[in-house]
Amino acid sequence: MSGSVRKRVAAIVTEYRHNSHAEVIVGRLLGRLNYRPRIEVVSLYTDQVPANDMSREEAARRGIPICATIREAIMASHCPEPIDGVVIIGEHGDYPINEKEQMMYPRRRFLEETLAALDELGLAVPIFSDKHLAHDYDDAVWMYEQMKARGIPFMGGSSIPHCDYVPNFDPRLLHSLREAVVISSGGLEGYGIHALEVLQSLTERRARGETGVRAISLLRGTGGEAWAAMDRGEWPEDLMLQALSAIPGLSAKHPRELEPAPALFAIEYLDGTQGYIVQFQRLVEQWSFAFRHDGDRVTAALCDSDLDRPFAHFERLTRMIEAFIVNGREPFPSERTLLTTGMICAAMDSLHAGKRLETPQLHIVYE
């Protein structure tokens, strides 16, 4: 933004260390990873400081204060003008895990303290919050409603839906989507939210828009339950195989020979659309998908995320965050983030309860 003052942001993070989300997003905004930022970080709050912390050195390098409280970071009293936006990254760090196997990141507290400080200043600036809103859906609804009530533009969610599709396809094919399978890896909650965000970024493009979710189930798969459900015809083997075919370098063997116990998420939409996530522990490291449309046609693609530094998919996300802070326009409906938050919370509830759960709280409609 040559010739004009750059927008100023406060960064609120759980921890800032090598390869953390704070490092690959805020680090870019500080000029690291060969990135030229368009906005300026003027204050930084870190909730935890691990032994391999990078925040103190980075802040000193840039002359940015490390603030003792979120309020102090938002106030940014050392600046001649108020901040123009907030970047919240409540990911990574040493936090408790509840009985539903959810990491209890302090995302609601981060937002609550941010909003209190913005209210003091009389500001309603754009807020980005990484990944899902909260581990508790009631908290997520509160967060969403508080920002809506203040007219605060909000952007959240995962980096993965914004990757290039390989091969690319005409997005109009999604208008008639009626069934989809997303391939994922990693932990149930932490990586499952990436896959749910991929799924929702596809299904929301149906011709009538999003109509809401009727029910969700999550099978851990340790006893091969996902494969047994596939054998019973409860989810589409052909879509899984086509989605896997979009990932380069995989074995030609059937995945059940290579991984006996994947997890399975099943999402039933109110309009009859079906979504599934097959989550492997060892077979894959990227996300891909296949969807059925226009009768029985199938389209499959890879979400082209990088496996190694500097993680170009985070560069794309950072560019989106900057554009959002600069123009104040939400790049996609904030309802997507509320819905995917509710979906991952309901999935973990289903796992804990050991059964399929109806989700009247997720009858969320948006275009």
Protein backbone atom coordinates (compact mmCIF):
# COMPACT_ATOMS: atom_id res chain seq x y z
CA MET A 1 0.00 0.00 0.00
CA SER A 2 2.63 2.47 -1.11
CA GLY A 3 1.79 6.13 -0.62
CA SER A 4 -0.75 5.43 2.16
CA VAL A 5 -0.73 4.43 5.82
CA ARG A 6 -0.98 0.68 6.25
CA LYS A 7 -3.88 -0.71 8.27
CA ARG A 8 -2.82 -1.54 11.82
CA VAL A 9 -3.74 -4.80 13.57
CA ALA A 10 -3.41 -6.32 17.00
CA ALA A 11 -2.40 -10.00 17.05
CA ILE A 12 -3.80 -12.20 19.84
CA VAL A 13 -2.29 -15.71 19.90
CA THR A 14 -2.00 -18.76 22.13
CA GLU A 15 1.69 -19.33 21.39
CA TYR A 16 4.20 -18.22 18.78
CA ARG A 17 6.83 -20.83 17.95
CA HIS A 18 8.30 -22.54 14.89
CA ASN A 19 5.62 -23.89 12.51
CA SER A 20 2.75 -22.77 14.74
CA HIS A 21 -0.22 -21.11 13.08
CA ALA A 22 0.89 -17.88 14.74
CA GLU A 23 4.30 -18.13 13.08
CA VAL A 24 3.02 -18.95 9.59
CA ILE A 25 0.34 -16.23 9.66
CA VAL A 26 1.52 -13.47 12.02
CA GLY A 27 5.10 -14.22 11.03
CA ARG A 28 4.20 -13.38 7.44
CA LEU A 29 2.57 -10.16 8.60
CA LEU A 30 5.90 -9.36 10.28
CA GLY A 31 7.75 -9.84 6.99
CA ARG A 32 9.07 -13.36 7.53
CA LEU A 33 8.85 -16.34 5.11
CA ASN A 34 9.67 -14.08 2.12
CA TYR A 35 6.36 -12.26 2.55
CA ARG A 36 5.69 -8.57 1.90
CA PRO A 37 2.78 -7.58 4.14
CA ARG A 38 0.13 -5.01 3.26
CA ILE A 39 -0.92 -4.44 6.88
CA GLU A 40 1.10 -3.73 10.02
CA VAL A 41 1.09 -5.64 13.31
CA VAL A 42 1.37 -2.99 16.02
CA SER A 43 0.82 -5.06 19.19
CA LEU A 44 1.07 -8.69 20.21
CA TYR A 45 -0.45 -10.72 23.04
CA THR A 46 0.77 -14.28 23.66
CA ASP A 47 -1.18 -16.43 26.11
CA GLN A 48 1.67 -18.89 26.62
CA VAL A 49 5.44 -18.66 26.19
CA PRO A 50 6.98 -22.10 25.54
CA ALA A 51 10.70 -22.80 25.69
CA ASN A 52 10.95 -22.45 21.90
CA ASP A 53 9.01 -19.16 21.81
CA MET A 54 9.76 -16.85 18.89
CA SER A 55 7.50 -13.93 19.81
CA ARG A 56 9.93 -11.99 22.02
CA GLU A 57 12.71 -11.97 19.44
CA GLU A 58 10.34 -11.13 16.58
CA ALA A 59 8.64 -8.33 18.49
CA ALA A 60 11.99 -6.83 19.48
CA ARG A 61 13.17 -7.02 15.87
CA ARG A 62 10.16 -5.03 14.72
CA GLY A 63 9.84 -2.72 17.73
CA ILE A 64 6.42 -4.10 18.61
CA PRO A 65 5.30 -4.28 22.25
CA ILE A 66 4.45 -7.63 23.82
CA CYS A 67 1.33 -6.81 25.81
CA ALA A 68 0.49 -8.29 29.19
CA THR A 69 -3.25 -8.36 28.46
CA ILE A 70 -5.53 -8.58 25.45
CA ARG A 71 -7.03 -5.22 26.46
CA GLU A 72 -3.60 -3.61 26.30
CA ALA A 73 -2.97 -5.09 22.83
CA ILE A 74 -6.31 -3.81 21.53
CA MET A 75 -5.85 -0.37 23.09
CA ALA A 76 -2.39 -0.06 21.45
CA SER A 77 -1.91 3.20 23.34
CA HIS A 78 1.57 3.63 21.85
CA CYS A 79 0.01 4.21 18.41
CA PRO A 80 -1.21 7.64 17.32
CA GLU A 81 -4.40 6.12 15.83
CA PRO A 82 -6.65 3.20 16.86
CA ILE A 83 -6.16 -0.26 15.37
CA ASP A 84 -7.97 -1.20 12.15
CA GLY A 85 -8.38 -4.93 12.78
CA VAL A 86 -7.65 -7.93 15.00
CA VAL A 87 -6.03 -11.27 14.16
CA ILE A 88 -6.84 -14.02 16.68
CA ILE A 89 -5.01 -17.34 16.49
CA GLY A 90 -6.17 -19.69 19.23
CA GLU A 91 -4.29 -22.75 17.96
CA HIS A 92 -1.40 -24.70 19.52
CA GLY A 93 -0.25 -24.51 23.11
CA ASP A 94 -0.61 -26.46 26.34
CA TYR A 95 -4.35 -26.52 27.10
CA PRO A 96 -6.58 -29.15 28.72
CA ILE A 97 -8.54 -31.74 26.76
CA ASN A 98 -12.13 -32.38 27.85
CA GLU A 99 -13.98 -35.68 28.15
CA LYS A 100 -15.11 -35.37 24.51
CA GLU A 101 -11.46 -35.26 23.35
CA GLN A 102 -11.67 -31.57 22.41
CA MET A 103 -8.76 -29.21 22.97
CA MET A 104 -10.08 -26.41 25.17
CA TYR A 105 -8.45 -23.47 23.43
CA PRO A 106 -9.44 -20.11 24.98
CA ARG A 107 -11.03 -18.77 21.79
CA ARG A 108 -14.18 -17.42 23.46
CA ARG A 109 -12.10 -15.68 26.14
CA PHE A 110 -9.86 -14.17 23.47
CA LEU A 111 -12.87 -12.77 21.61
CA GLU A 112 -14.71 -11.70 24.77
CA GLU A 113 -11.74 -9.65 25.99
CA THR A 114 -11.19 -8.28 22.48
CA LEU A 115 -14.81 -7.12 22.21
CA ALA A 116 -14.73 -5.53 25.67
CA ALA A 117 -11.68 -3.47 24.68
CA LEU A 118 -13.16 -2.53 21.29
CA ASP A 119 -16.33 -1.42 23.08
CA GLU A 120 -14.26 0.85 25.31
CA LEU A 121 -12.77 2.43 22.20
CA GLY A 122 -16.09 2.58 20.35
CA LEU A 123 -14.61 0.50 17.51
CA ALA A 124 -16.15 -2.19 15.30
CA VAL A 125 -13.17 -3.35 13.23
CA PRO A 126 -12.76 -6.59 11.21
CA ILE A 127 -11.78 -9.67 13.22
CA PHE A 128 -10.13 -12.82 11.90
CA SER A 129 -10.16 -15.92 14.14
CA ASP A 130 -8.29 -19.02 12.99
CA LYS A 131 -10.10 -22.36 12.51
CA HIS A 132 -13.41 -23.03 14.30
CA LEU A 133 -14.96 -20.58 16.71
CA ALA A 134 -14.87 -22.67 19.90
CA HIS A 135 -14.91 -26.19 21.30
CA ASP A 136 -18.32 -25.45 22.87
CA TYR A 137 -21.12 -24.69 20.40
CA ASP A 138 -22.99 -22.45 22.86
CA ASP A 139 -19.83 -20.36 23.10
CA ALA A 140 -19.61 -20.27 19.30
CA VAL A 141 -23.19 -19.02 18.97
CA TRP A 142 -22.51 -16.34 21.58
CA MET A 143 -19.38 -15.24 19.68
CA TYR A 144 -21.22 -15.12 16.35
CA GLU A 145 -24.16 -13.20 17.78
CA GLN A 146 -21.97 -10.69 19.62
CA MET A 147 -20.10 -9.80 16.44
CA LYS A 148 -23.32 -9.60 14.43
CA ALA A 149 -24.88 -7.29 17.05
CA ARG A 150 -21.91 -4.93 16.77
CA GLY A 151 -21.77 -5.03 12.97
CA ILE A 152 -18.23 -6.43 13.12
CA PRO A 153 -17.06 -8.10 9.90
CA PHE A 154 -15.81 -11.60 10.73
CA MET A 155 -13.63 -14.12 8.94
CA GLY A 156 -12.68 -17.49 10.40
CA GLY A 157 -12.02 -21.06 9.44
CA SER A 158 -9.35 -23.19 7.83
CA SER A 159 -6.74 -22.51 5.17
CA ILE A 160 -7.49 -25.73 3.27
CA PRO A 161 -10.71 -24.73 1.42
CA HIS A 162 -8.77 -21.90 -0.22
CA CYS A 163 -6.17 -24.15 -1.86
CA ASP A 164 -6.10 -24.62 -5.62
CA TYR A 165 -8.07 -27.62 -6.88
CA VAL A 166 -6.05 -30.08 -8.97
CA PRO A 167 -7.50 -30.58 -11.48
CA ASN A 168 -9.60 -27.44 -11.52
CA PHE A 169 -13.28 -27.74 -12.48
CA ASP A 170 -16.25 -25.56 -13.30
CA PRO A 171 -17.76 -24.54 -9.92
CA ARG A 172 -21.22 -24.63 -11.51
CA LEU A 173 -20.98 -28.43 -11.25
CA LEU A 174 -21.49 -27.97 -7.51
CA HIS A 175 -25.00 -26.61 -8.09
CA SER A 176 -26.33 -30.16 -8.46
CA LEU A 177 -24.10 -31.80 -5.80
CA ARG A 178 -26.00 -34.48 -3.91
CA GLU A 179 -23.27 -36.61 -2.33
CA ALA A 180 -19.62 -35.94 -1.44
CA VAL A 181 -16.67 -37.68 0.19
CA VAL A 182 -13.69 -35.78 1.61
CA ILE A 183 -10.41 -37.57 2.34
CA SER A 184 -8.54 -36.36 5.42
CA SER A 185 -5.77 -37.27 7.80
CA GLY A 186 -4.73 -36.47 11.35
CA GLY A 187 -6.60 -36.08 14.62
CA LEU A 188 -10.36 -36.25 14.87
CA GLU A 189 -11.06 -32.68 15.98
CA GLY A 190 -7.98 -30.73 14.95
CA TYR A 191 -7.89 -32.09 11.40
CA GLY A 192 -11.53 -33.04 11.14
CA ILE A 193 -12.42 -29.34 11.13
CA HIS A 194 -10.23 -28.85 8.03
CA ALA A 195 -12.15 -31.62 6.25
CA LEU A 196 -15.53 -30.28 7.37
CA GLU A 197 -14.56 -26.86 6.05
CA VAL A 198 -13.62 -28.42 2.70
CA LEU A 199 -16.93 -30.28 2.63
CA GLN A 200 -18.95 -27.20 3.52
CA SER A 201 -17.15 -25.00 1.00
CA LEU A 202 -18.43 -27.45 -1.64
CA THR A 203 -21.91 -28.23 -0.39
CA GLU A 204 -22.85 -24.58 0.23
CA ARG A 205 -22.64 -24.07 -3.54
CA ARG A 206 -25.76 -26.16 -4.12
CA ALA A 207 -28.31 -24.37 -6.29
CA ARG A 208 -30.55 -23.52 -3.34
CA GLY A 209 -27.69 -22.56 -1.06
CA GLU A 210 -27.22 -24.00 2.41
CA THR A 211 -30.32 -25.45 4.08
CA GLY A 212 -28.80 -26.81 7.29
CA VAL A 213 -27.71 -30.14 8.79
CA ARG A 214 -30.18 -32.76 10.04
CA ALA A 215 -27.82 -35.22 11.79
CA ILE A 216 -24.16 -36.15 12.29
CA SER A 217 -22.30 -39.27 13.34
CA LEU A 218 -18.63 -39.99 13.95
CA LEU A 219 -17.13 -43.47 14.11
CA ARG A 220 -13.60 -43.67 15.46
CA GLY A 221 -13.01 -46.78 13.37
CA THR A 222 -10.61 -48.63 15.68
CA GLY A 223 -12.50 -51.87 15.07
CA GLY A 224 -12.91 -51.39 11.34
CA GLU A 225 -16.43 -49.94 11.73
CA ALA A 226 -15.98 -47.58 8.78
CA TRP A 227 -15.17 -50.44 6.41
CA ALA A 228 -18.07 -52.48 7.77
CA ALA A 229 -20.41 -49.54 7.16
CA MET A 230 -19.04 -49.28 3.61
CA ASP A 231 -19.72 -52.97 3.02
CA ARG A 232 -23.30 -52.40 4.14
CA GLY A 233 -23.64 -49.65 1.53
CA GLU A 234 -23.94 -46.88 4.12
CA TRP A 235 -21.41 -44.65 2.40
CA PRO A 236 -20.07 -44.59 -1.19
CA GLU A 237 -16.91 -46.59 -1.82
CA ASP A 238 -16.69 -45.30 -5.41
CA LEU A 239 -16.48 -41.65 -4.31
CA MET A 240 -13.77 -42.52 -1.78
CA LEU A 241 -11.69 -44.28 -4.42
CA GLN A 242 -12.06 -41.42 -6.88
CA ALA A 243 -11.13 -38.88 -4.20
CA LEU A 244 -8.03 -40.94 -3.33
CA SER A 245 -7.10 -41.13 -7.02
CA ALA A 246 -6.67 -37.33 -7.00
CA ILE A 247 -3.79 -37.63 -4.49
CA PRO A 248 -0.47 -38.34 -6.25
CA GLY A 249 1.82 -41.17 -5.19
CA LEU A 250 -0.67 -43.42 -3.41
CA SER A 251 -0.55 -47.19 -3.66
CA ALA A 252 -2.89 -48.88 -6.13
CA LYS A 253 -4.03 -51.24 -3.35
CA HIS A 254 -7.44 -50.76 -1.82
CA PRO A 255 -7.06 -48.48 1.22
CA ARG A 256 -8.60 -51.09 3.55
CA GLU A 257 -5.50 -53.22 2.90
CA LEU A 258 -3.24 -50.37 3.97
CA GLU A 259 -5.18 -48.88 6.85
CA PRO A 260 -7.60 -51.08 8.77
CA ALA A 261 -9.29 -48.47 10.94
CA PRO A 262 -10.08 -45.05 9.42
CA ALA A 263 -12.55 -42.75 11.15
CA LEU A 264 -15.81 -41.87 9.40
CA PHE A 265 -17.83 -38.66 9.71
CA ALA A 266 -21.34 -38.78 8.20
CA ILE A 267 -23.27 -35.54 7.65
CA GLU A 268 -26.95 -35.60 6.68
CA TYR A 269 -28.22 -32.30 5.28
CA LEU A 270 -31.87 -31.26 5.57
CA ASP A 271 -32.35 -31.31 1.80
CA GLY A 272 -31.14 -34.92 1.49
CA THR A 273 -27.55 -34.14 0.49
CA GLN A 274 -25.06 -36.54 2.07
CA GLY A 275 -21.49 -35.73 3.08
CA TYR A 276 -18.79 -38.06 4.37
CA ILE A 277 -15.24 -37.66 5.65
CA VAL A 278 -12.91 -40.64 5.64
CA GLN A 279 -10.04 -39.79 7.96
CA PHE A 280 -6.88 -41.88 7.68
CA GLN A 281 -3.98 -41.88 10.13
CA ARG A 282 -1.13 -42.98 7.85
CA LEU A 283 -2.32 -43.30 4.26
CA VAL A 284 -2.51 -39.62 3.27
CA GLU A 285 -1.19 -36.21 4.33
CA GLN A 286 -3.40 -34.00 2.16
CA TRP A 287 -7.09 -33.42 1.57
CA SER A 288 -9.05 -34.42 -1.51
CA PHE A 289 -12.68 -34.94 -2.42
CA ALA A 290 -15.13 -36.39 -4.92
CA PHE A 291 -18.76 -35.41 -5.41
CA ARG A 292 -21.70 -36.82 -7.33
CA HIS A 293 -23.71 -34.40 -9.47
CA ASP A 294 -25.88 -34.11 -12.60
CA GLY A 295 -27.33 -37.58 -12.27
CA ASP A 296 -24.43 -39.96 -11.66
CA ARG A 297 -21.45 -37.89 -12.82
CA VAL A 298 -18.48 -37.68 -10.45
CA THR A 299 -15.86 -34.94 -10.15
CA ALA A 300 -12.75 -35.39 -7.97
CA ALA A 301 -9.87 -33.08 -7.06
CA LEU A 302 -6.96 -32.55 -4.69
CA CYS A 303 -6.77 -29.57 -2.33
CA ASP A 304 -3.22 -28.59 -3.27
CA SER A 305 -1.77 -27.82 0.18
CA ASP A 306 1.96 -27.87 0.79
CA LEU A 307 3.54 -30.48 3.03
CA ASP A 308 6.68 -28.46 3.79
CA ARG A 309 7.66 -24.92 4.72
CA PRO A 310 6.91 -22.21 3.86
CA PHE A 311 3.36 -23.68 3.44
CA ALA A 312 2.00 -21.67 0.52
CA HIS A 313 -1.61 -22.38 1.53
CA PHE A 314 -0.98 -20.20 4.59
CA GLU A 315 0.36 -17.49 2.29
CA ARG A 316 -2.94 -17.54 0.43
CA LEU A 317 -4.87 -17.40 3.70
CA THR A 318 -2.73 -14.50 4.91
CA ARG A 319 -3.43 -12.59 1.68
CA MET A 320 -7.14 -13.17 2.26
CA ILE A 321 -6.85 -11.92 5.85
CA GLU A 322 -5.07 -8.78 4.67
CA ALA A 323 -7.69 -8.06 2.00
CA PHE A 324 -10.41 -8.61 4.59
CA ILE A 325 -8.81 -6.18 7.05
CA VAL A 326 -8.25 -3.59 4.32
CA ASN A 327 -11.72 -3.65 2.72
CA GLY A 328 -13.84 -4.92 5.61
CA ARG A 329 -15.75 -7.36 3.40
CA GLU A 330 -16.25 -10.95 4.52
CA PRO A 331 -14.75 -13.21 1.79
CA PHE A 332 -17.36 -15.90 2.45
CA PRO A 333 -20.41 -16.03 4.74
CA SER A 334 -19.53 -16.05 8.44
CA GLU A 335 -22.38 -18.55 8.78
CA ARG A 336 -20.06 -21.14 7.21
CA THR A 337 -17.72 -20.84 10.17
CA LEU A 338 -20.60 -21.04 12.64
CA LEU A 339 -21.98 -24.12 10.86
CA THR A 340 -18.65 -25.96 10.60
CA THR A 341 -18.00 -25.16 14.27
CA GLY A 342 -21.35 -26.73 15.10
CA MET A 343 -20.56 -29.71 12.89
CA ILE A 344 -17.24 -30.52 14.57
CA CYS A 345 -18.79 -30.02 18.02
CA ALA A 346 -21.69 -32.34 17.12
CA ALA A 347 -19.29 -34.90 15.66
CA MET A 348 -17.29 -35.00 18.90
CA ASP A 349 -20.58 -35.22 20.84
CA SER A 350 -21.55 -38.18 18.62
CA LEU A 351 -18.24 -39.91 19.28
CA HIS A 352 -18.65 -39.39 23.03
CA ALA A 353 -22.25 -40.61 23.01
CA GLY A 354 -21.49 -43.51 20.67
CA LYS A 355 -24.44 -42.81 18.38
CA ARG A 356 -25.84 -40.69 15.56
CA LEU A 357 -27.16 -37.35 16.79
CA GLU A 358 -29.94 -35.18 15.42
CA THR A 359 -28.76 -31.56 15.09
CA PRO A 360 -31.69 -29.11 15.26
CA GLN A 361 -29.22 -26.44 16.36
CA LEU A 362 -27.58 -26.69 12.92
CA HIS A 363 -30.64 -25.82 10.82
CA ILE A 364 -28.63 -22.85 9.54
CA VAL A 365 -29.68 -21.37 6.22
CA TYR A 366 -27.48 -19.10 4.10
CA GLU A 367 -26.50 -18.43 0.52
